[in-house]
Amino acid sequence: MTVNQIVRIVAGFFIMASLAAAYATGQVDMSQLSWLWFTAFVGANLFQSGFTKFCPLDSILKKLGVPESTGNSCA
């Protein structure tokens, strides 16, 4: 497993965990269609892409001609 995969897994987990905690404490209402469902989708996608190495945005950006990173720098 690579650093990039672990970062995606942890980021996705924290997004989903924070939404679950907010829902459990009554701070948000996930029973209605809201933008929080989009946030949940992003978190779930990050989480799964860490394991499967499939990310729809990666595919879209490659088709648009965006070059892949050659370094490990955060900048």
N, C-alpha and C. Protein backbone atom coordinates (compact mmCIF):
# COMPACT_ATOMS: atom_id res chain seq x y z
N MET A 1 0.84 -1.17 0.00
CA MET A 1 0.00 0.00 0.00
C MET A 1 0.89 1.24 0.00
N THR A 2 0.51 2.22 -0.79
CA THR A 2 1.32 3.43 -0.93
C THR A 2 0.81 4.53 0.01
N VAL A 3 1.63 5.57 0.15
CA VAL A 3 1.25 6.72 0.97
C VAL A 3 -0.02 7.36 0.40
N ASN A 4 -0.09 7.49 -0.92
CA ASN A 4 -1.26 8.09 -1.56
C ASN A 4 -2.53 7.30 -1.23
N GLN A 5 -2.46 5.99 -1.26
CA GLN A 5 -3.62 5.18 -0.93
C GLN A 5 -4.03 5.37 0.52
N ILE A 6 -3.07 5.39 1.43
CA ILE A 6 -3.38 5.55 2.85
C ILE A 6 -3.99 6.93 3.11
N VAL A 7 -3.46 7.96 2.44
CA VAL A 7 -4.01 9.30 2.60
C VAL A 7 -5.47 9.32 2.15
N ARG A 8 -5.78 8.70 1.03
CA ARG A 8 -7.17 8.66 0.54
C ARG A 8 -8.07 7.92 1.52
N ILE A 9 -7.60 6.80 2.03
CA ILE A 9 -8.40 6.01 2.98
C ILE A 9 -8.69 6.81 4.25
N VAL A 10 -7.65 7.41 4.81
CA VAL A 10 -7.81 8.18 6.06
C VAL A 10 -8.70 9.41 5.83
N ALA A 11 -8.48 10.12 4.73
CA ALA A 11 -9.30 11.31 4.44
C ALA A 11 -10.77 10.93 4.27
N GLY A 12 -11.02 9.88 3.50
CA GLY A 12 -12.40 9.43 3.30
C GLY A 12 -13.04 8.98 4.60
N PHE A 13 -12.27 8.28 5.42
CA PHE A 13 -12.79 7.82 6.71
C PHE A 13 -13.17 9.00 7.60
N PHE A 14 -12.29 10.01 7.67
CA PHE A 14 -12.57 11.16 8.52
C PHE A 14 -13.78 11.96 8.03
N ILE A 15 -13.95 12.08 6.74
CA ILE A 15 -15.12 12.78 6.21
C ILE A 15 -16.39 12.03 6.61
N MET A 16 -16.41 10.72 6.39
CA MET A 16 -17.60 9.94 6.73
C MET A 16 -17.83 9.88 8.23
N ALA A 17 -16.75 9.77 9.02
CA ALA A 17 -16.89 9.72 10.48
C ALA A 17 -17.42 11.04 11.03
N SER A 18 -16.98 12.16 10.47
CA SER A 18 -17.46 13.46 10.96
C SER A 18 -18.94 13.65 10.62
N LEU A 19 -19.37 13.21 9.44
CA LEU A 19 -20.79 13.28 9.10
C LEU A 19 -21.61 12.38 10.01
N ALA A 20 -21.11 11.17 10.27
CA ALA A 20 -21.82 10.24 11.15
C ALA A 20 -21.92 10.79 12.57
N ALA A 21 -20.85 11.39 13.06
CA ALA A 21 -20.86 11.96 14.40
C ALA A 21 -21.83 13.14 14.49
N ALA A 22 -21.83 13.99 13.46
CA ALA A 22 -22.75 15.13 13.45
C ALA A 22 -24.20 14.66 13.40
N TYR A 23 -24.46 13.62 12.63
CA TYR A 23 -25.82 13.06 12.55
C TYR A 23 -26.22 12.42 13.88
N ALA A 24 -25.30 11.67 14.50
CA ALA A 24 -25.60 10.97 15.75
C ALA A 24 -25.88 11.94 16.90
N THR A 25 -25.24 13.11 16.87
CA THR A 25 -25.45 14.10 17.93
C THR A 25 -26.57 15.07 17.61
N GLY A 26 -27.22 14.89 16.46
CA GLY A 26 -28.35 15.74 16.10
C GLY A 26 -27.96 17.09 15.52
N GLN A 27 -26.71 17.25 15.14
CA GLN A 27 -26.27 18.53 14.59
C GLN A 27 -26.67 18.71 13.13
N VAL A 28 -26.87 17.60 12.42
CA VAL A 28 -27.29 17.67 11.02
C VAL A 28 -28.41 16.67 10.79
N ASP A 29 -29.23 16.95 9.78
CA ASP A 29 -30.33 16.06 9.42
C ASP A 29 -30.03 15.47 8.04
N MET A 30 -29.59 14.22 8.04
CA MET A 30 -29.23 13.57 6.77
C MET A 30 -30.44 12.89 6.13
N SER A 31 -31.61 12.99 6.76
CA SER A 31 -32.78 12.31 6.21
C SER A 31 -33.34 13.04 4.99
N GLN A 32 -32.97 14.30 4.82
CA GLN A 32 -33.42 15.07 3.67
C GLN A 32 -32.31 15.14 2.63
N LEU A 33 -32.72 15.36 1.39
CA LEU A 33 -31.74 15.54 0.33
C LEU A 33 -31.02 16.86 0.56
N SER A 34 -29.74 16.79 0.80
CA SER A 34 -28.97 18.01 1.06
C SER A 34 -27.58 17.87 0.48
N TRP A 35 -26.83 18.97 0.55
CA TRP A 35 -25.45 18.96 0.06
C TRP A 35 -24.57 18.05 0.90
N LEU A 36 -25.00 17.67 2.09
CA LEU A 36 -24.21 16.77 2.92
C LEU A 36 -24.10 15.38 2.30
N TRP A 37 -25.10 15.01 1.49
CA TRP A 37 -25.01 13.72 0.79
C TRP A 37 -23.88 13.76 -0.25
N PHE A 38 -23.66 14.92 -0.86
CA PHE A 38 -22.53 15.07 -1.78
C PHE A 38 -21.22 14.90 -1.03
N THR A 39 -21.14 15.48 0.18
CA THR A 39 -19.96 15.32 1.02
C THR A 39 -19.75 13.85 1.37
N ALA A 40 -20.83 13.15 1.69
CA ALA A 40 -20.74 11.72 2.01
C ALA A 40 -20.24 10.93 0.79
N PHE A 41 -20.72 11.30 -0.40
CA PHE A 41 -20.26 10.62 -1.63
C PHE A 41 -18.76 10.83 -1.84
N VAL A 42 -18.29 12.06 -1.63
CA VAL A 42 -16.87 12.34 -1.79
C VAL A 42 -16.05 11.53 -0.79
N GLY A 43 -16.49 11.48 0.46
CA GLY A 43 -15.79 10.69 1.47
C GLY A 43 -15.75 9.22 1.14
N ALA A 44 -16.88 8.68 0.70
CA ALA A 44 -16.94 7.26 0.34
C ALA A 44 -16.06 6.97 -0.88
N ASN A 45 -16.06 7.90 -1.85
CA ASN A 45 -15.22 7.71 -3.03
C ASN A 45 -13.73 7.74 -2.68
N LEU A 46 -13.34 8.67 -1.81
CA LEU A 46 -11.94 8.70 -1.36
C LEU A 46 -11.57 7.40 -0.67
N PHE A 47 -12.45 6.94 0.21
CA PHE A 47 -12.19 5.72 0.97
C PHE A 47 -12.02 4.52 0.04
N GLN A 48 -12.97 4.33 -0.89
CA GLN A 48 -12.88 3.17 -1.78
C GLN A 48 -11.71 3.28 -2.74
N SER A 49 -11.38 4.49 -3.18
CA SER A 49 -10.28 4.62 -4.14
C SER A 49 -8.94 4.28 -3.51
N GLY A 50 -8.84 4.42 -2.20
CA GLY A 50 -7.62 4.03 -1.51
C GLY A 50 -7.39 2.53 -1.59
N PHE A 51 -8.47 1.76 -1.63
CA PHE A 51 -8.36 0.30 -1.71
C PHE A 51 -8.35 -0.20 -3.15
N THR A 52 -9.19 0.38 -4.01
CA THR A 52 -9.35 -0.14 -5.37
C THR A 52 -8.45 0.53 -6.40
N LYS A 53 -7.87 1.68 -6.05
CA LYS A 53 -7.05 2.48 -6.96
C LYS A 53 -7.86 3.02 -8.14
N PHE A 54 -9.19 3.04 -8.03
CA PHE A 54 -10.05 3.62 -9.06
C PHE A 54 -10.67 4.89 -8.53
N CYS A 55 -10.45 5.99 -9.24
CA CYS A 55 -11.04 7.28 -8.88
C CYS A 55 -11.60 7.90 -10.15
N PRO A 56 -12.90 8.15 -10.19
CA PRO A 56 -13.49 8.73 -11.40
C PRO A 56 -12.83 10.05 -11.81
N LEU A 57 -12.47 10.90 -10.85
CA LEU A 57 -11.83 12.17 -11.20
C LEU A 57 -10.48 11.94 -11.87
N ASP A 58 -9.72 10.95 -11.42
CA ASP A 58 -8.45 10.61 -12.09
C ASP A 58 -8.69 10.32 -13.57
N SER A 59 -9.70 9.50 -13.83
CA SER A 59 -10.02 9.14 -15.22
C SER A 59 -10.41 10.34 -16.05
N ILE A 60 -11.24 11.21 -15.48
CA ILE A 60 -11.69 12.41 -16.20
C ILE A 60 -10.51 13.33 -16.50
N LEU A 61 -9.67 13.57 -15.50
CA LEU A 61 -8.52 14.47 -15.70
C LEU A 61 -7.54 13.92 -16.73
N LYS A 62 -7.31 12.61 -16.72
CA LYS A 62 -6.40 12.01 -17.72
C LYS A 62 -6.95 12.18 -19.12
N LYS A 63 -8.28 12.00 -19.28
CA LYS A 63 -8.90 12.18 -20.60
C LYS A 63 -8.83 13.63 -21.06
N LEU A 64 -8.78 14.57 -20.12
CA LEU A 64 -8.66 15.98 -20.46
C LEU A 64 -7.21 16.39 -20.73
N GLY A 65 -6.28 15.45 -20.56
CA GLY A 65 -4.88 15.72 -20.87
C GLY A 65 -4.06 16.28 -19.73
N VAL A 66 -4.56 16.21 -18.53
CA VAL A 66 -3.80 16.70 -17.38
C VAL A 66 -2.68 15.71 -17.08
N PRO A 67 -1.44 16.16 -17.00
CA PRO A 67 -0.33 15.23 -16.76
C PRO A 67 -0.33 14.71 -15.32
N GLU A 68 0.19 13.49 -15.17
CA GLU A 68 0.32 12.92 -13.83
C GLU A 68 1.54 13.49 -13.13
N SER A 69 1.51 13.48 -11.83
CA SER A 69 2.62 13.97 -11.03
C SER A 69 3.84 13.05 -11.18
N THR A 70 5.01 13.65 -11.24
CA THR A 70 6.24 12.84 -11.32
C THR A 70 7.00 12.83 -10.02
N GLY A 71 6.61 13.69 -9.09
CA GLY A 71 7.31 13.79 -7.81
C GLY A 71 6.40 13.47 -6.65
N ASN A 72 6.98 13.46 -5.47
CA ASN A 72 6.23 13.18 -4.25
C ASN A 72 6.01 14.43 -3.41
N SER A 73 6.17 15.59 -4.01
CA SER A 73 6.06 16.85 -3.27
C SER A 73 4.61 17.23 -3.05
N CYS A 74 4.33 17.83 -1.92
CA CYS A 74 2.98 18.33 -1.63
C CYS A 74 2.74 19.68 -2.29
N ALA A 75 3.76 20.33 -2.74
CA ALA A 75 3.60 21.67 -3.32
C ALA A 75 3.38 21.60 -4.82
